[in-house]
């Protein structure tokens, strides 16, 4: 079984104009970082023309599918039965992006097949992580 999941999805950038703009996005999960998920947006979706990655807790994504979640740079909440909104805050500004909830649920389901929910701690080698940090210092 693969220990990395990459899933392409279609998202909608919610703007102040009446129409949302469709943008491609990528969802990423890997066994080596079992608590985190990554959402990537291509250069065309950013203000400065560079790829944008957001990394946040897998638990935040799961909670945001059930109800409003997040109190930092990333907020997630359901928007009706078929859509989920992610709101990203950075010093440059804020962006709201809407995803199909089914895509996010499939991604989470696939990530739980790699590392079951609640088993994240078992995947971490804290001694090795600490040794790596000390080597870098």
C-alpha atoms as a PDB file:
ATOM      1  CA  UNK A   1       0.000   0.000   0.000  1.00  0.00           C
ATOM      2  CA  UNK A   2       1.235   3.467  -0.835  1.00  0.00           C
ATOM      3  CA  UNK A   3       2.251   5.661   2.072  1.00  0.00           C
ATOM      4  CA  UNK A   4       1.594   8.889   0.147  1.00  0.00           C
ATOM      5  CA  UNK A   5      -1.739  10.113  -1.171  1.00  0.00           C
ATOM      6  CA  UNK A   6      -2.008  12.800  -3.828  1.00  0.00           C
ATOM      7  CA  UNK A   7      -5.506  13.644  -4.981  1.00  0.00           C
ATOM      8  CA  UNK A   8      -6.352  16.261  -7.597  1.00  0.00           C
ATOM      9  CA  UNK A   9      -9.564  18.171  -6.964  1.00  0.00           C
ATOM     10  CA  UNK A  10     -11.444  21.082  -8.452  1.00  0.00           C
ATOM     11  CA  UNK A  11     -12.061  24.026  -6.140  1.00  0.00           C
ATOM     12  CA  UNK A  12     -13.847  27.342  -6.427  1.00  0.00           C
ATOM     13  CA  UNK A  13     -12.154  30.545  -5.331  1.00  0.00           C
ATOM     14  CA  UNK A  14     -14.809  32.659  -3.659  1.00  0.00           C
ATOM     15  CA  UNK A  15     -14.324  36.303  -4.541  1.00  0.00           C
ATOM     16  CA  UNK A  16     -16.175  39.559  -4.019  1.00  0.00           C
ATOM     17  CA  UNK A  17     -17.535  39.281  -7.560  1.00  0.00           C
ATOM     18  CA  UNK A  18     -20.763  37.317  -8.069  1.00  0.00           C
ATOM     19  CA  UNK A  19     -19.051  34.377  -9.751  1.00  0.00           C
ATOM     20  CA  UNK A  20     -16.610  32.006  -8.105  1.00  0.00           C
ATOM     21  CA  UNK A  21     -13.556  31.109 -10.192  1.00  0.00           C
ATOM     22  CA  UNK A  22     -12.761  27.416 -10.695  1.00  0.00           C
ATOM     23  CA  UNK A  23      -9.187  26.474  -9.828  1.00  0.00           C
ATOM     24  CA  UNK A  24      -7.364  23.155  -9.657  1.00  0.00           C
ATOM     25  CA  UNK A  25      -6.001  22.094  -6.294  1.00  0.00           C
ATOM     26  CA  UNK A  26      -4.164  19.130  -4.867  1.00  0.00           C
ATOM     27  CA  UNK A  27      -4.638  17.301  -1.589  1.00  0.00           C
ATOM     28  CA  UNK A  28      -1.605  15.531  -0.121  1.00  0.00           C
ATOM     29  CA  UNK A  29      -1.091  13.175   2.813  1.00  0.00           C
ATOM     30  CA  UNK A  30       1.845  11.023   3.793  1.00  0.00           C
ATOM     31  CA  UNK A  31       2.540   8.477   6.492  1.00  0.00           C
ATOM     32  CA  UNK A  32       5.767  10.250   7.541  1.00  0.00           C
ATOM     33  CA  UNK A  33       3.757  13.282   8.718  1.00  0.00           C
ATOM     34  CA  UNK A  34       0.623  11.518   9.978  1.00  0.00           C
ATOM     35  CA  UNK A  35      -1.065  14.496  11.640  1.00  0.00           C
ATOM     36  CA  UNK A  36      -0.890  16.845   8.623  1.00  0.00           C
ATOM     37  CA  UNK A  37      -2.587  17.329   5.295  1.00  0.00           C
ATOM     38  CA  UNK A  38      -1.483  19.708   2.568  1.00  0.00           C
ATOM     39  CA  UNK A  39      -3.609  21.648   0.106  1.00  0.00           C
ATOM     40  CA  UNK A  40      -1.722  23.019  -2.910  1.00  0.00           C
ATOM     41  CA  UNK A  41      -2.866  25.653  -5.364  1.00  0.00           C
ATOM     42  CA  UNK A  42      -1.137  26.284  -8.704  1.00  0.00           C
ATOM     43  CA  UNK A  43       0.602  29.569  -9.593  1.00  0.00           C
ATOM     44  CA  UNK A  44      -2.442  30.756 -11.569  1.00  0.00           C
ATOM     45  CA  UNK A  45      -4.502  30.776  -8.363  1.00  0.00           C
ATOM     46  CA  UNK A  46      -2.180  33.069  -6.409  1.00  0.00           C
ATOM     47  CA  UNK A  47      -1.742  36.813  -6.484  1.00  0.00           C
ATOM     48  CA  UNK A  48       2.012  36.646  -7.040  1.00  0.00           C
ATOM     49  CA  UNK A  49       2.082  33.776  -9.556  1.00  0.00           C
ATOM     50  CA  UNK A  50       3.712  31.183  -7.286  1.00  0.00           C
ATOM     51  CA  UNK A  51       2.394  27.847  -6.089  1.00  0.00           C
ATOM     52  CA  UNK A  52       0.766  28.101  -2.664  1.00  0.00           C
ATOM     53  CA  UNK A  53       0.769  25.277  -0.117  1.00  0.00           C
ATOM     54  CA  UNK A  54      -1.185  25.215   3.134  1.00  0.00           C
ATOM     55  CA  UNK A  55      -0.393  22.572   5.734  1.00  0.00           C
ATOM     56  CA  UNK A  56      -2.773  21.940   8.618  1.00  0.00           C
ATOM     57  CA  UNK A  57      -4.061  19.159  10.831  1.00  0.00           C
ATOM     58  CA  UNK A  58      -5.923  16.213   9.384  1.00  0.00           C
ATOM     59  CA  UNK A  59      -8.113  16.433  12.485  1.00  0.00           C
ATOM     60  CA  UNK A  60      -9.059  20.023  11.533  1.00  0.00           C
ATOM     61  CA  UNK A  61     -10.188  18.853   8.102  1.00  0.00           C
ATOM     62  CA  UNK A  62     -12.276  16.044   9.613  1.00  0.00           C
ATOM     63  CA  UNK A  63     -13.860  18.380  12.171  1.00  0.00           C
ATOM     64  CA  UNK A  64     -14.575  21.005   9.516  1.00  0.00           C
ATOM     65  CA  UNK A  65     -16.633  18.512   7.527  1.00  0.00           C
ATOM     66  CA  UNK A  66     -18.981  18.195  10.526  1.00  0.00           C
ATOM     67  CA  UNK A  67     -19.121  21.839  11.640  1.00  0.00           C
ATOM     68  CA  UNK A  68     -17.112  25.057  11.889  1.00  0.00           C
ATOM     69  CA  UNK A  69     -13.515  24.329  12.927  1.00  0.00           C
ATOM     70  CA  UNK A  70     -10.244  26.196  13.216  1.00  0.00           C
ATOM     71  CA  UNK A  71      -9.009  29.160  15.162  1.00  0.00           C
ATOM     72  CA  UNK A  72      -5.709  29.954  13.460  1.00  0.00           C
ATOM     73  CA  UNK A  73      -4.679  30.534   9.867  1.00  0.00           C
ATOM     74  CA  UNK A  74      -7.027  27.865   8.494  1.00  0.00           C
ATOM     75  CA  UNK A  75     -10.770  27.606   9.116  1.00  0.00           C
ATOM     76  CA  UNK A  76     -13.014  24.885   7.653  1.00  0.00           C
ATOM     77  CA  UNK A  77     -16.805  24.569   7.698  1.00  0.00           C
ATOM     78  CA  UNK A  78     -19.622  22.853   5.804  1.00  0.00           C
ATOM     79  CA  UNK A  79     -21.556  24.959   3.322  1.00  0.00           C
ATOM     80  CA  UNK A  80     -24.684  22.899   2.798  1.00  0.00           C
ATOM     81  CA  UNK A  81     -24.621  19.141   2.287  1.00  0.00           C
ATOM     82  CA  UNK A  82     -22.383  19.122  -0.805  1.00  0.00           C
ATOM     83  CA  UNK A  83     -19.767  21.839  -0.270  1.00  0.00           C
ATOM     84  CA  UNK A  84     -17.077  22.672   2.278  1.00  0.00           C
ATOM     85  CA  UNK A  85     -15.347  26.024   2.642  1.00  0.00           C
ATOM     86  CA  UNK A  86     -11.718  26.529   3.632  1.00  0.00           C
ATOM     87  CA  UNK A  87     -10.630  29.997   4.660  1.00  0.00           C
ATOM     88  CA  UNK A  88      -6.901  30.740   4.617  1.00  0.00           C
ATOM     89  CA  UNK A  89      -5.368  33.726   6.455  1.00  0.00           C
ATOM     90  CA  UNK A  90      -1.909  35.125   5.662  1.00  0.00           C
ATOM     91  CA  UNK A  91      -0.230  38.495   6.218  1.00  0.00           C
ATOM     92  CA  UNK A  92      -0.995  39.348   2.568  1.00  0.00           C
ATOM     93  CA  UNK A  93      -4.712  38.751   2.985  1.00  0.00           C
ATOM     94  CA  UNK A  94      -7.399  36.106   3.164  1.00  0.00           C
ATOM     95  CA  UNK A  95      -8.785  33.622   0.652  1.00  0.00           C
ATOM     96  CA  UNK A  96     -11.935  31.510   0.742  1.00  0.00           C
ATOM     97  CA  UNK A  97     -12.064  28.350  -1.325  1.00  0.00           C
ATOM     98  CA  UNK A  98     -14.971  25.963  -1.731  1.00  0.00           C
ATOM     99  CA  UNK A  99     -14.535  22.215  -2.289  1.00  0.00           C
ATOM    100  CA  UNK A 100     -16.926  19.377  -3.017  1.00  0.00           C
ATOM    101  CA  UNK A 101     -17.413  17.658   0.329  1.00  0.00           C
ATOM    102  CA  UNK A 102     -17.386  14.251  -1.367  1.00  0.00           C
ATOM    103  CA  UNK A 103     -13.822  14.902  -2.616  1.00  0.00           C
ATOM    104  CA  UNK A 104     -12.644  15.818   0.886  1.00  0.00           C
ATOM    105  CA  UNK A 105     -14.367  12.802   2.447  1.00  0.00           C
ATOM    106  CA  UNK A 106     -12.750  10.487  -0.112  1.00  0.00           C
ATOM    107  CA  UNK A 107      -9.348  12.011   0.630  1.00  0.00           C
ATOM    108  CA  UNK A 108      -9.820  11.515   4.381  1.00  0.00           C
ATOM    109  CA  UNK A 109     -11.024   7.939   3.839  1.00  0.00           C
ATOM    110  CA  UNK A 110      -7.906   7.227   1.779  1.00  0.00           C
ATOM    111  CA  UNK A 111      -5.668   8.831   4.430  1.00  0.00           C
ATOM    112  CA  UNK A 112      -7.276   6.679   7.150  1.00  0.00           C
ATOM    113  CA  UNK A 113      -6.368   3.609   5.090  1.00  0.00           C
ATOM    114  CA  UNK A 114      -2.717   4.691   5.324  1.00  0.00           C
ATOM    115  CA  UNK A 115      -2.808   5.739   9.004  1.00  0.00           C
ATOM    116  CA  UNK A 116      -6.047   5.013  10.884  1.00  0.00           C
ATOM    117  CA  UNK A 117      -7.564   7.876  12.819  1.00  0.00           C
ATOM    118  CA  UNK A 118      -6.137   7.806  16.333  1.00  0.00           C
ATOM    119  CA  UNK A 119      -3.012   5.839  15.322  1.00  0.00           C
ATOM    120  CA  UNK A 120      -0.957   8.860  14.257  1.00  0.00           C
ATOM    121  CA  UNK A 121       1.316   8.674  17.327  1.00  0.00           C
ATOM    122  CA  UNK A 122       2.361   5.129  16.431  1.00  0.00           C
ATOM    123  CA  UNK A 123       3.752   6.357  13.100  1.00  0.00           C
ATOM    124  CA  UNK A 124       6.129   8.860  14.661  1.00  0.00           C
ATOM    125  CA  UNK A 125       9.694   7.954  15.546  1.00  0.00           C
ATOM    126  CA  UNK A 126      10.269  10.698  18.108  1.00  0.00           C
ATOM    127  CA  UNK A 127      13.846   9.604  18.842  1.00  0.00           C
ATOM    128  CA  UNK A 128      14.769   9.862  15.160  1.00  0.00           C
ATOM    129  CA  UNK A 129      12.957  13.194  14.787  1.00  0.00           C
ATOM    130  CA  UNK A 130      14.805  14.629  17.797  1.00  0.00           C
ATOM    131  CA  UNK A 131      18.142  13.337  16.509  1.00  0.00           C
ATOM    132  CA  UNK A 132      17.472  14.960  13.121  1.00  0.00           C
ATOM    133  CA  UNK A 133      16.656  18.280  14.770  1.00  0.00           C
ATOM    134  CA  UNK A 134      19.830  18.150  16.824  1.00  0.00           C
ATOM    135  CA  UNK A 135      21.933  17.365  13.716  1.00  0.00           C
ATOM    136  CA  UNK A 136      20.488  20.444  11.989  1.00  0.00           C
ATOM    137  CA  UNK A 137      21.225  22.729  14.947  1.00  0.00           C
END
